[in-house]
Amino acid sequence: MTSPTTLDTLSVVTRLKRKPAEHKGNAGKVVLIGGAPGMAGALILAGNACLHLGAGWTILEMLDPASAHADANQPELMIRLATENIHETLSASKPDVIAIGPGLGKSELAAQWLRETLSFPNIPLVVDADALNLISESNQLLASLQKRNSDFPGLTVLTPHPGEAAKLLRTTTEIVQDNRVDAIQGLIELTQSIVVLKGQYTLIASPQHLPVQCLAGNPGMGTGGMGDILTGSIAAIAGQGVRHQLDLWQATGIAVELHAKAADSLVSKGVGPIGLTPTETILEMRALLNKLL
């Protein structure tokens, strides 16, 4: 197999430029699901990325009752307690995009939300973190994912790190890392999804696209929360893409490039790599995005 080509999707980012009369409805309504007890920060990070990368509405379905309240530091986030009335909640929300996984945990309630999310039709879906782990442990959830991609091709993206990829493929992290191109192709064959295999030179591929790699990024990104902000960023770009002629493949590529290039930009300014934080990276992503429009 030939080597992956270099990711270059920022050429289409200008489609996100807003016309003077646009409103929040033109920028997409995103629902993010996760934040189990002890892991609420992961969902808040994803939500902050989604907000700062331009989503019109950012709604957090928080599994942790103690954290399901307005955040005084980020009051723009609509934070709700995730209950068992899942179908009714999603139907009433009318989301343009759903993302599930940051801090989700592996409780029965988490699995219920994942099952309902996988059956929600005809909108972009981002699947990350414990949502991937739950799928790797359940043939039923895997079958639901496969059916979603059969019914709605090109509308689901998975964002595993090498460990999550290994669980899905029933192999080891070392084997995944030894041949990342084979690993991402295996994930596509298994799930029929768009796949972002995170790590050095992050790979993106899908059933319709050969692997491409992102050459930007640095070791400072190896810290908790960086994956969560990528999930929120993909969701934000995809939400805007619904009315700005960007599909999920393009939205994913834009978010991956912005994520890595923002981290490199910060390092060039003396911020990191050691101690580089996801919160700093979110703000740099926003700055880079606006410079491109």
C-alpha atoms as a PDB file:
ATOM      1  CA  MET A   1       0.000   0.000   0.000  1.00  0.00           C
ATOM      2  CA  THR A   2       1.284   3.488  -0.820  1.00  0.00           C
ATOM      3  CA  SER A   3       2.041   5.917   1.979  1.00  0.00           C
ATOM      4  CA  PRO A   4      -0.775   8.210   3.094  1.00  0.00           C
ATOM      5  CA  THR A   5      -0.973  11.608   1.475  1.00  0.00           C
ATOM      6  CA  THR A   6      -0.794  14.747   3.581  1.00  0.00           C
ATOM      7  CA  LEU A   7      -4.031  16.106   4.995  1.00  0.00           C
ATOM      8  CA  ASP A   8      -5.010  19.404   3.382  1.00  0.00           C
ATOM      9  CA  THR A   9      -8.601  20.408   4.064  1.00  0.00           C
ATOM     10  CA  LEU A  10      -8.118  23.993   5.205  1.00  0.00           C
ATOM     11  CA  SER A  11      -8.647  25.080   1.601  1.00  0.00           C
ATOM     12  CA  VAL A  12     -12.405  24.601   2.095  1.00  0.00           C
ATOM     13  CA  VAL A  13     -12.581  26.311   5.482  1.00  0.00           C
ATOM     14  CA  THR A  14     -13.719  29.587   3.911  1.00  0.00           C
ATOM     15  CA  ARG A  15     -17.146  28.000   3.450  1.00  0.00           C
ATOM     16  CA  LEU A  16     -17.638  28.657   7.162  1.00  0.00           C
ATOM     17  CA  LYS A  17     -17.493  32.425   6.634  1.00  0.00           C
ATOM     18  CA  ARG A  18     -20.777  33.906   7.797  1.00  0.00           C
ATOM     19  CA  LYS A  19     -23.002  36.254   5.897  1.00  0.00           C
ATOM     20  CA  PRO A  20     -24.048  39.436   7.723  1.00  0.00           C
ATOM     21  CA  ALA A  21     -27.615  38.278   8.469  1.00  0.00           C
ATOM     22  CA  GLU A  22     -26.772  34.792   9.755  1.00  0.00           C
ATOM     23  CA  HIS A  23     -27.940  33.748  13.229  1.00  0.00           C
ATOM     24  CA  LYS A  24     -27.256  30.870  15.626  1.00  0.00           C
ATOM     25  CA  GLY A  25     -29.527  28.574  13.662  1.00  0.00           C
ATOM     26  CA  ASN A  26     -27.122  28.823  10.741  1.00  0.00           C
ATOM     27  CA  ALA A  27     -24.242  27.661  12.927  1.00  0.00           C
ATOM     28  CA  GLY A  28     -25.764  24.403  14.135  1.00  0.00           C
ATOM     29  CA  LYS A  29     -27.136  22.912  17.320  1.00  0.00           C
ATOM     30  CA  VAL A  30     -24.739  20.395  18.889  1.00  0.00           C
ATOM     31  CA  VAL A  31     -25.553  17.955  21.682  1.00  0.00           C
ATOM     32  CA  LEU A  32     -22.563  16.459  23.523  1.00  0.00           C
ATOM     33  CA  ILE A  33     -23.078  13.496  25.841  1.00  0.00           C
ATOM     34  CA  GLY A  34     -20.814  12.308  28.659  1.00  0.00           C
ATOM     35  CA  GLY A  35     -19.457  13.623  31.940  1.00  0.00           C
ATOM     36  CA  ALA A  36     -19.999  10.721  34.327  1.00  0.00           C
ATOM     37  CA  PRO A  37     -19.202  11.291  38.023  1.00  0.00           C
ATOM     38  CA  GLY A  38     -15.542  12.195  38.351  1.00  0.00           C
ATOM     39  CA  MET A  39     -15.216  12.928  34.628  1.00  0.00           C
ATOM     40  CA  ALA A  40     -17.362  16.018  34.128  1.00  0.00           C
ATOM     41  CA  GLY A  41     -14.321  18.030  33.073  1.00  0.00           C
ATOM     42  CA  ALA A  42     -13.960  15.991  29.893  1.00  0.00           C
ATOM     43  CA  LEU A  43     -17.435  16.975  28.715  1.00  0.00           C
ATOM     44  CA  ILE A  44     -16.937  20.610  29.714  1.00  0.00           C
ATOM     45  CA  LEU A  45     -13.696  20.728  27.711  1.00  0.00           C
ATOM     46  CA  ALA A  46     -15.474  19.263  24.694  1.00  0.00           C
ATOM     47  CA  GLY A  47     -18.263  21.790  25.164  1.00  0.00           C
ATOM     48  CA  ASN A  48     -15.853  24.703  25.430  1.00  0.00           C
ATOM     49  CA  ALA A  49     -14.152  23.632  22.217  1.00  0.00           C
ATOM     50  CA  CYS A  50     -17.515  23.318  20.498  1.00  0.00           C
ATOM     51  CA  LEU A  51     -18.538  26.782  21.688  1.00  0.00           C
ATOM     52  CA  HIS A  52     -15.281  28.504  20.743  1.00  0.00           C
ATOM     53  CA  LEU A  53     -15.080  26.817  17.330  1.00  0.00           C
ATOM     54  CA  GLY A  54     -18.409  28.341  16.399  1.00  0.00           C
ATOM     55  CA  ALA A  55     -21.417  26.128  17.136  1.00  0.00           C
ATOM     56  CA  GLY A  56     -24.644  28.095  17.382  1.00  0.00           C
ATOM     57  CA  TRP A  57     -25.904  26.101  20.374  1.00  0.00           C
ATOM     58  CA  THR A  58     -23.796  23.850  22.592  1.00  0.00           C
ATOM     59  CA  ILE A  59     -25.855  21.541  24.799  1.00  0.00           C
ATOM     60  CA  LEU A  60     -24.199  19.195  27.306  1.00  0.00           C
ATOM     61  CA  GLU A  61     -26.061  16.107  28.483  1.00  0.00           C
ATOM     62  CA  MET A  62     -24.191  15.533  31.753  1.00  0.00           C
ATOM     63  CA  LEU A  63     -24.363  12.133  33.449  1.00  0.00           C
ATOM     64  CA  ASP A  64     -22.966  13.463  36.738  1.00  0.00           C
ATOM     65  CA  PRO A  65     -25.839  14.971  38.768  1.00  0.00           C
ATOM     66  CA  ALA A  66     -23.403  17.039  40.843  1.00  0.00           C
ATOM     67  CA  SER A  67     -22.083  18.751  37.709  1.00  0.00           C
ATOM     68  CA  ALA A  68     -25.350  19.183  35.793  1.00  0.00           C
ATOM     69  CA  HIS A  69     -25.792  22.891  36.426  1.00  0.00           C
ATOM     70  CA  ALA A  70     -24.872  26.196  34.845  1.00  0.00           C
ATOM     71  CA  ASP A  71     -21.133  26.865  34.746  1.00  0.00           C
ATOM     72  CA  ALA A  72     -20.419  30.366  36.014  1.00  0.00           C
ATOM     73  CA  ASN A  73     -17.120  30.387  34.111  1.00  0.00           C
ATOM     74  CA  GLN A  74     -18.820  29.421  30.847  1.00  0.00           C
ATOM     75  CA  PRO A  75     -22.507  30.344  31.122  1.00  0.00           C
ATOM     76  CA  GLU A  76     -22.983  30.000  27.359  1.00  0.00           C
ATOM     77  CA  LEU A  77     -22.954  26.209  27.731  1.00  0.00           C
ATOM     78  CA  MET A  78     -26.426  24.720  28.156  1.00  0.00           C
ATOM     79  CA  ILE A  79     -25.773  21.998  30.732  1.00  0.00           C
ATOM     80  CA  ARG A  80     -28.533  19.485  31.501  1.00  0.00           C
ATOM     81  CA  LEU A  81     -28.778  16.319  33.561  1.00  0.00           C
ATOM     82  CA  ALA A  82     -28.804  13.262  31.308  1.00  0.00           C
ATOM     83  CA  THR A  83     -31.864  11.248  32.321  1.00  0.00           C
ATOM     84  CA  GLU A  84     -33.337   7.960  31.115  1.00  0.00           C
ATOM     85  CA  ASN A  85     -35.817   9.817  28.875  1.00  0.00           C
ATOM     86  CA  ILE A  86     -33.268   9.675  26.097  1.00  0.00           C
ATOM     87  CA  HIS A  87     -35.383   9.335  22.975  1.00  0.00           C
ATOM     88  CA  GLU A  88     -37.695  12.122  24.060  1.00  0.00           C
ATOM     89  CA  THR A  89     -34.764  14.364  24.999  1.00  0.00           C
ATOM     90  CA  LEU A  90     -32.992  13.944  21.675  1.00  0.00           C
ATOM     91  CA  SER A  91     -36.177  14.309  19.663  1.00  0.00           C
ATOM     92  CA  ALA A  92     -37.096  17.506  21.493  1.00  0.00           C
ATOM     93  CA  SER A  93     -33.583  18.940  21.112  1.00  0.00           C
ATOM     94  CA  LYS A  94     -33.589  18.514  17.315  1.00  0.00           C
ATOM     95  CA  PRO A  95     -29.782  18.479  17.126  1.00  0.00           C
ATOM     96  CA  ASP A  96     -27.829  19.075  13.931  1.00  0.00           C
ATOM     97  CA  VAL A  97     -24.900  17.053  15.314  1.00  0.00           C
ATOM     98  CA  ILE A  98     -24.385  14.695  18.243  1.00  0.00           C
ATOM     99  CA  ALA A  99     -21.077  13.827  19.913  1.00  0.00           C
ATOM    100  CA  ILE A 100     -20.803  11.135  22.576  1.00  0.00           C
ATOM    101  CA  GLY A 101     -17.940   9.857  24.662  1.00  0.00           C
ATOM    102  CA  PRO A 102     -15.989  12.504  26.631  1.00  0.00           C
ATOM    103  CA  GLY A 103     -16.091  11.309  30.236  1.00  0.00           C
ATOM    104  CA  LEU A 104     -19.011   9.018  29.385  1.00  0.00           C
ATOM    105  CA  GLY A 105     -18.020   6.116  31.615  1.00  0.00           C
ATOM    106  CA  LYS A 106     -19.363   2.613  31.159  1.00  0.00           C
ATOM    107  CA  SER A 107     -22.490   2.604  33.294  1.00  0.00           C
ATOM    108  CA  GLU A 108     -25.820   1.192  32.130  1.00  0.00           C
ATOM    109  CA  LEU A 109     -27.084   4.756  31.632  1.00  0.00           C
ATOM    110  CA  ALA A 110     -24.049   5.485  29.449  1.00  0.00           C
ATOM    111  CA  ALA A 111     -24.794   2.392  27.359  1.00  0.00           C
ATOM    112  CA  GLN A 112     -28.450   3.431  27.035  1.00  0.00           C
ATOM    113  CA  TRP A 113     -27.441   6.866  25.731  1.00  0.00           C
ATOM    114  CA  LEU A 114     -25.069   5.267  23.269  1.00  0.00           C
ATOM    115  CA  ARG A 115     -27.724   2.868  21.981  1.00  0.00           C
ATOM    116  CA  GLU A 116     -30.199   5.702  21.444  1.00  0.00           C
ATOM    117  CA  THR A 117     -27.562   7.909  19.864  1.00  0.00           C
ATOM    118  CA  LEU A 118     -26.536   5.237  17.364  1.00  0.00           C
ATOM    119  CA  SER A 119     -30.166   4.888  16.315  1.00  0.00           C
ATOM    120  CA  PHE A 120     -30.729   8.648  15.904  1.00  0.00           C
ATOM    121  CA  PRO A 121     -31.086   9.157  12.152  1.00  0.00           C
ATOM    122  CA  ASN A 122     -29.516  11.201   9.422  1.00  0.00           C
ATOM    123  CA  ILE A 123     -27.246  13.684  11.210  1.00  0.00           C
ATOM    124  CA  PRO A 124     -23.468  13.720  11.804  1.00  0.00           C
ATOM    125  CA  LEU A 125     -22.332  11.748  14.840  1.00  0.00           C
ATOM    126  CA  VAL A 126     -18.936  11.882  16.587  1.00  0.00           C
ATOM    127  CA  VAL A 127     -18.020   8.836  18.718  1.00  0.00           C
ATOM    128  CA  ASP A 128     -15.079   9.034  21.125  1.00  0.00           C
ATOM    129  CA  ALA A 129     -13.531   7.703  24.328  1.00  0.00           C
ATOM    130  CA  ASP A 130     -15.720   5.412  26.454  1.00  0.00           C
ATOM    131  CA  ALA A 131     -18.347   5.265  23.717  1.00  0.00           C
ATOM    132  CA  LEU A 132     -15.694   3.437  21.674  1.00  0.00           C
ATOM    133  CA  ASN A 133     -14.842   1.202  24.610  1.00  0.00           C
ATOM    134  CA  LEU A 134     -18.493   0.283  25.071  1.00  0.00           C
ATOM    135  CA  ILE A 135     -18.764  -0.625  21.380  1.00  0.00           C
ATOM    136  CA  SER A 136     -15.626  -2.769  21.619  1.00  0.00           C
ATOM    137  CA  GLU A 137     -17.271  -4.780  24.425  1.00  0.00           C
ATOM    138  CA  SER A 138     -20.717  -5.223  22.840  1.00  0.00           C
ATOM    139  CA  ASN A 139     -21.567  -7.020  19.605  1.00  0.00           C
ATOM    140  CA  GLN A 140     -24.998  -5.399  19.791  1.00  0.00           C
ATOM    141  CA  LEU A 141     -23.584  -1.875  19.889  1.00  0.00           C
ATOM    142  CA  LEU A 142     -21.143  -2.709  17.105  1.00  0.00           C
ATOM    143  CA  ALA A 143     -24.030  -4.005  14.993  1.00  0.00           C
ATOM    144  CA  SER A 144     -25.946  -0.780  15.688  1.00  0.00           C
ATOM    145  CA  LEU A 145     -22.961   1.251  14.525  1.00  0.00           C
ATOM    146  CA  GLN A 146     -22.652  -0.832  11.369  1.00  0.00           C
ATOM    147  CA  LYS A 147     -26.365  -0.471  10.651  1.00  0.00           C
ATOM    148  CA  ARG A 148     -26.176   3.306  11.119  1.00  0.00           C
ATOM    149  CA  ASN A 149     -23.397   3.499   8.560  1.00  0.00           C
ATOM    150  CA  SER A 150     -25.318   1.278   6.170  1.00  0.00           C
ATOM    151  CA  ASP A 151     -28.419   3.460   6.490  1.00  0.00           C
ATOM    152  CA  PHE A 152     -26.592   6.818   6.620  1.00  0.00           C
ATOM    153  CA  PRO A 153     -23.134   6.472   5.034  1.00  0.00           C
ATOM    154  CA  GLY A 154     -20.599   9.186   5.731  1.00  0.00           C
ATOM    155  CA  LEU A 155     -22.381  10.489   8.830  1.00  0.00           C
ATOM    156  CA  THR A 156     -20.390   8.845  11.639  1.00  0.00           C
ATOM    157  CA  VAL A 157     -16.810   9.561  12.684  1.00  0.00           C
ATOM    158  CA  LEU A 158     -14.846   7.583  15.285  1.00  0.00           C
ATOM    159  CA  THR A 159     -11.874   9.225  17.010  1.00  0.00           C
ATOM    160  CA  PRO A 160      -9.879   6.482  18.769  1.00  0.00           C
ATOM    161  CA  HIS A 161      -6.436   6.786  20.264  1.00  0.00           C
ATOM    162  CA  PRO A 162      -4.249   3.707  19.701  1.00  0.00           C
ATOM    163  CA  GLY A 163      -5.467   1.975  22.871  1.00  0.00           C
ATOM    164  CA  GLU A 164      -9.128   2.359  21.924  1.00  0.00           C
ATOM    165  CA  ALA A 165      -8.332   1.245  18.389  1.00  0.00           C
ATOM    166  CA  ALA A 166      -6.649  -1.871  19.759  1.00  0.00           C
ATOM    167  CA  LYS A 167      -9.732  -2.754  21.805  1.00  0.00           C
ATOM    168  CA  LEU A 168     -11.989  -2.430  18.771  1.00  0.00           C
ATOM    169  CA  LEU A 169      -9.638  -4.578  16.679  1.00  0.00           C
ATOM    170  CA  ARG A 170      -9.037  -7.077  19.525  1.00  0.00           C
ATOM    171  CA  THR A 171      -5.298  -6.627  19.298  1.00  0.00           C
ATOM    172  CA  THR A 172      -2.609  -4.700  21.155  1.00  0.00           C
ATOM    173  CA  THR A 173      -1.648  -1.048  21.150  1.00  0.00           C
ATOM    174  CA  GLU A 174       1.835  -2.044  20.011  1.00  0.00           C
ATOM    175  CA  ILE A 175       0.477  -3.785  16.918  1.00  0.00           C
ATOM    176  CA  VAL A 176      -1.696  -0.777  16.104  1.00  0.00           C
ATOM    177  CA  GLN A 177       1.274   1.552  16.385  1.00  0.00           C
ATOM    178  CA  ASP A 178       3.575  -0.732  14.380  1.00  0.00           C
ATOM    179  CA  ASN A 179       1.315  -0.403  11.340  1.00  0.00           C
ATOM    180  CA  ARG A 180      -1.112   2.424  11.732  1.00  0.00           C
ATOM    181  CA  VAL A 181      -2.297   2.319   8.107  1.00  0.00           C
ATOM    182  CA  ASP A 182      -3.330  -1.332   8.455  1.00  0.00           C
ATOM    183  CA  ALA A 183      -5.007  -0.480  11.754  1.00  0.00           C
ATOM    184  CA  ILE A 184      -7.127   2.323  10.337  1.00  0.00           C
ATOM    185  CA  GLN A 185      -8.102   0.177   7.367  1.00  0.00           C
ATOM    186  CA  GLY A 186      -9.140  -2.565   9.789  1.00  0.00           C
ATOM    187  CA  LEU A 187     -11.285  -0.101  11.724  1.00  0.00           C
ATOM    188  CA  ILE A 188     -12.992   1.037   8.539  1.00  0.00           C
ATOM    189  CA  GLU A 189     -13.701  -2.538   7.471  1.00  0.00           C
ATOM    190  CA  LEU A 190     -15.085  -3.295  10.934  1.00  0.00           C
ATOM    191  CA  THR A 191     -17.240  -0.198  11.392  1.00  0.00           C
ATOM    192  CA  GLN A 192     -17.734   1.396   7.945  1.00  0.00           C
ATOM    193  CA  SER A 193     -17.132   4.776   9.616  1.00  0.00           C
ATOM    194  CA  ILE A 194     -14.924   7.756   9.021  1.00  0.00           C
ATOM    195  CA  VAL A 195     -12.009   7.069  11.384  1.00  0.00           C
ATOM    196  CA  VAL A 196      -9.504   9.433  12.993  1.00  0.00           C
ATOM    197  CA  LEU A 197      -6.627   7.384  14.413  1.00  0.00           C
ATOM    198  CA  LYS A 198      -5.017   9.832  16.806  1.00  0.00           C
ATOM    199  CA  GLY A 199      -1.322   9.967  17.651  1.00  0.00           C
ATOM    200  CA  GLN A 200       1.839  11.200  15.970  1.00  0.00           C
ATOM    201  CA  TYR A 201       0.839  11.966  12.380  1.00  0.00           C
ATOM    202  CA  THR A 202      -2.856  11.434  13.003  1.00  0.00           C
ATOM    203  CA  LEU A 203      -4.503   9.430  10.214  1.00  0.00           C
ATOM    204  CA  ILE A 204      -7.971   9.982   8.750  1.00  0.00           C
ATOM    205  CA  ALA A 205      -9.693   7.588   6.374  1.00  0.00           C
ATOM    206  CA  SER A 206     -13.169   6.355   5.453  1.00  0.00           C
ATOM    207  CA  PRO A 207     -14.839   3.796   3.204  1.00  0.00           C
ATOM    208  CA  GLN A 208     -14.785   6.454   0.473  1.00  0.00           C
ATOM    209  CA  HIS A 209     -11.357   8.000   1.196  1.00  0.00           C
ATOM    210  CA  LEU A 210      -7.834   6.599   1.301  1.00  0.00           C
ATOM    211  CA  PRO A 211      -5.818   7.421   4.436  1.00  0.00           C
ATOM    212  CA  VAL A 212      -4.416  10.914   4.786  1.00  0.00           C
ATOM    213  CA  GLN A 213      -2.120  12.046   7.578  1.00  0.00           C
ATOM    214  CA  CYS A 214      -1.725  15.252   9.536  1.00  0.00           C
ATOM    215  CA  LEU A 215       1.968  16.148   9.792  1.00  0.00           C
ATOM    216  CA  ALA A 216       1.385  18.948  12.306  1.00  0.00           C
ATOM    217  CA  GLY A 217       1.329  18.441  16.070  1.00  0.00           C
ATOM    218  CA  ASN A 218       3.830  17.905  18.864  1.00  0.00           C
ATOM    219  CA  PRO A 219       4.355  15.900  22.079  1.00  0.00           C
ATOM    220  CA  GLY A 220       2.757  18.645  24.164  1.00  0.00           C
ATOM    221  CA  MET A 221      -0.582  17.336  22.935  1.00  0.00           C
ATOM    222  CA  GLY A 222      -0.094  14.183  24.983  1.00  0.00           C
ATOM    223  CA  THR A 223      -2.140  15.361  27.935  1.00  0.00           C
ATOM    224  CA  GLY A 224      -5.589  14.596  29.284  1.00  0.00           C
ATOM    225  CA  GLY A 225      -8.344  16.519  27.560  1.00  0.00           C
ATOM    226  CA  MET A 226      -6.710  17.013  24.154  1.00  0.00           C
ATOM    227  CA  GLY A 227      -8.892  14.293  22.636  1.00  0.00           C
ATOM    228  CA  ASP A 228     -11.988  15.801  24.222  1.00  0.00           C
ATOM    229  CA  ILE A 229     -11.404  19.170  22.591  1.00  0.00           C
ATOM    230  CA  LEU A 230     -10.897  17.473  19.223  1.00  0.00           C
ATOM    231  CA  THR A 231     -14.308  15.817  19.625  1.00  0.00           C
ATOM    232  CA  GLY A 232     -15.933  19.149  20.435  1.00  0.00           C
ATOM    233  CA  SER A 233     -14.153  20.829  17.538  1.00  0.00           C
ATOM    234  CA  ILE A 234     -15.250  18.240  14.976  1.00  0.00           C
ATOM    235  CA  ALA A 235     -18.808  18.593  16.250  1.00  0.00           C
ATOM    236  CA  ALA A 236     -18.673  22.393  15.995  1.00  0.00           C
ATOM    237  CA  ILE A 237     -17.322  22.428  12.443  1.00  0.00           C
ATOM    238  CA  ALA A 238     -19.786  19.718  11.394  1.00  0.00           C
ATOM    239  CA  GLY A 239     -22.648  21.694  12.926  1.00  0.00           C
ATOM    240  CA  GLN A 240     -21.749  24.761  10.892  1.00  0.00           C
ATOM    241  CA  GLY A 241     -21.149  22.571   7.860  1.00  0.00           C
ATOM    242  CA  VAL A 242     -24.783  21.492   7.770  1.00  0.00           C
ATOM    243  CA  ARG A 243     -25.722  24.902   6.326  1.00  0.00           C
ATOM    244  CA  HIS A 244     -22.344  25.857   4.884  1.00  0.00           C
ATOM    245  CA  GLN A 245     -21.811  22.998   2.422  1.00  0.00           C
ATOM    246  CA  LEU A 246     -19.228  21.033   4.398  1.00  0.00           C
ATOM    247  CA  ASP A 247     -19.682  17.305   4.880  1.00  0.00           C
ATOM    248  CA  LEU A 248     -18.478  15.355   7.900  1.00  0.00           C
ATOM    249  CA  TRP A 249     -15.292  14.209   6.157  1.00  0.00           C
ATOM    250  CA  GLN A 250     -14.302  17.814   5.428  1.00  0.00           C
ATOM    251  CA  ALA A 251     -15.331  19.016   8.886  1.00  0.00           C
ATOM    252  CA  THR A 252     -13.242  16.307  10.497  1.00  0.00           C
ATOM    253  CA  GLY A 253     -10.176  17.184   8.453  1.00  0.00           C
ATOM    254  CA  ILE A 254     -10.495  20.876   9.271  1.00  0.00           C
ATOM    255  CA  ALA A 255     -10.784  20.159  12.995  1.00  0.00           C
ATOM    256  CA  VAL A 256      -7.813  17.772  13.021  1.00  0.00           C
ATOM    257  CA  GLU A 257      -5.618  20.307  11.220  1.00  0.00           C
ATOM    258  CA  LEU A 258      -6.679  23.224  13.411  1.00  0.00           C
ATOM    259  CA  HIS A 259      -6.091  21.123  16.540  1.00  0.00           C
ATOM    260  CA  ALA A 260      -2.544  20.159  15.597  1.00  0.00           C
ATOM    261  CA  LYS A 261      -1.542  23.496  14.084  1.00  0.00           C
ATOM    262  CA  ALA A 262      -2.839  25.391  17.119  1.00  0.00           C
ATOM    263  CA  ALA A 263      -0.620  23.276  19.359  1.00  0.00           C
ATOM    264  CA  ASP A 264       2.368  23.966  17.111  1.00  0.00           C
ATOM    265  CA  SER A 265       1.563  27.675  17.061  1.00  0.00           C
ATOM    266  CA  LEU A 266       1.529  27.808  20.850  1.00  0.00           C
ATOM    267  CA  VAL A 267       4.864  26.001  21.091  1.00  0.00           C
ATOM    268  CA  SER A 268       6.364  28.479  18.627  1.00  0.00           C
ATOM    269  CA  LYS A 269       5.314  31.227  21.065  1.00  0.00           C
ATOM    270  CA  GLY A 270       6.957  29.483  24.029  1.00  0.00           C
ATOM    271  CA  VAL A 271       3.751  27.959  25.423  1.00  0.00           C
ATOM    272  CA  GLY A 272       4.738  24.329  25.855  1.00  0.00           C
ATOM    273  CA  PRO A 273       5.287  21.675  24.762  1.00  0.00           C
ATOM    274  CA  ILE A 274       5.600  20.806  28.447  1.00  0.00           C
ATOM    275  CA  GLY A 275       2.539  22.114  30.246  1.00  0.00           C
ATOM    276  CA  LEU A 276       0.545  22.854  27.110  1.00  0.00           C
ATOM    277  CA  THR A 277      -3.132  22.677  28.063  1.00  0.00           C
ATOM    278  CA  PRO A 278      -6.297  21.881  26.130  1.00  0.00           C
ATOM    279  CA  THR A 279      -7.861  25.166  27.259  1.00  0.00           C
ATOM    280  CA  GLU A 280      -5.019  27.186  25.731  1.00  0.00           C
ATOM    281  CA  THR A 281      -5.279  25.106  22.567  1.00  0.00           C
ATOM    282  CA  ILE A 282      -9.000  25.841  22.187  1.00  0.00           C
ATOM    283  CA  LEU A 283      -8.383  29.600  22.129  1.00  0.00           C
ATOM    284  CA  GLU A 284      -5.523  29.235  19.651  1.00  0.00           C
ATOM    285  CA  MET A 285      -7.723  27.095  17.401  1.00  0.00           C
ATOM    286  CA  ARG A 286     -10.337  29.838  17.416  1.00  0.00           C
ATOM    287  CA  ALA A 287      -7.721  32.434  16.487  1.00  0.00           C
ATOM    288  CA  LEU A 288      -6.356  30.332  13.627  1.00  0.00           C
ATOM    289  CA  LEU A 289      -9.822  29.571  12.296  1.00  0.00           C
ATOM    290  CA  ASN A 290     -10.777  33.227  12.157  1.00  0.00           C
ATOM    291  CA  LYS A 291      -7.521  34.138  10.403  1.00  0.00           C
ATOM    292  CA  LEU A 292      -8.422  31.662   7.646  1.00  0.00           C
ATOM    293  CA  LEU A 293     -11.877  33.146   6.968  1.00  0.00           C
END
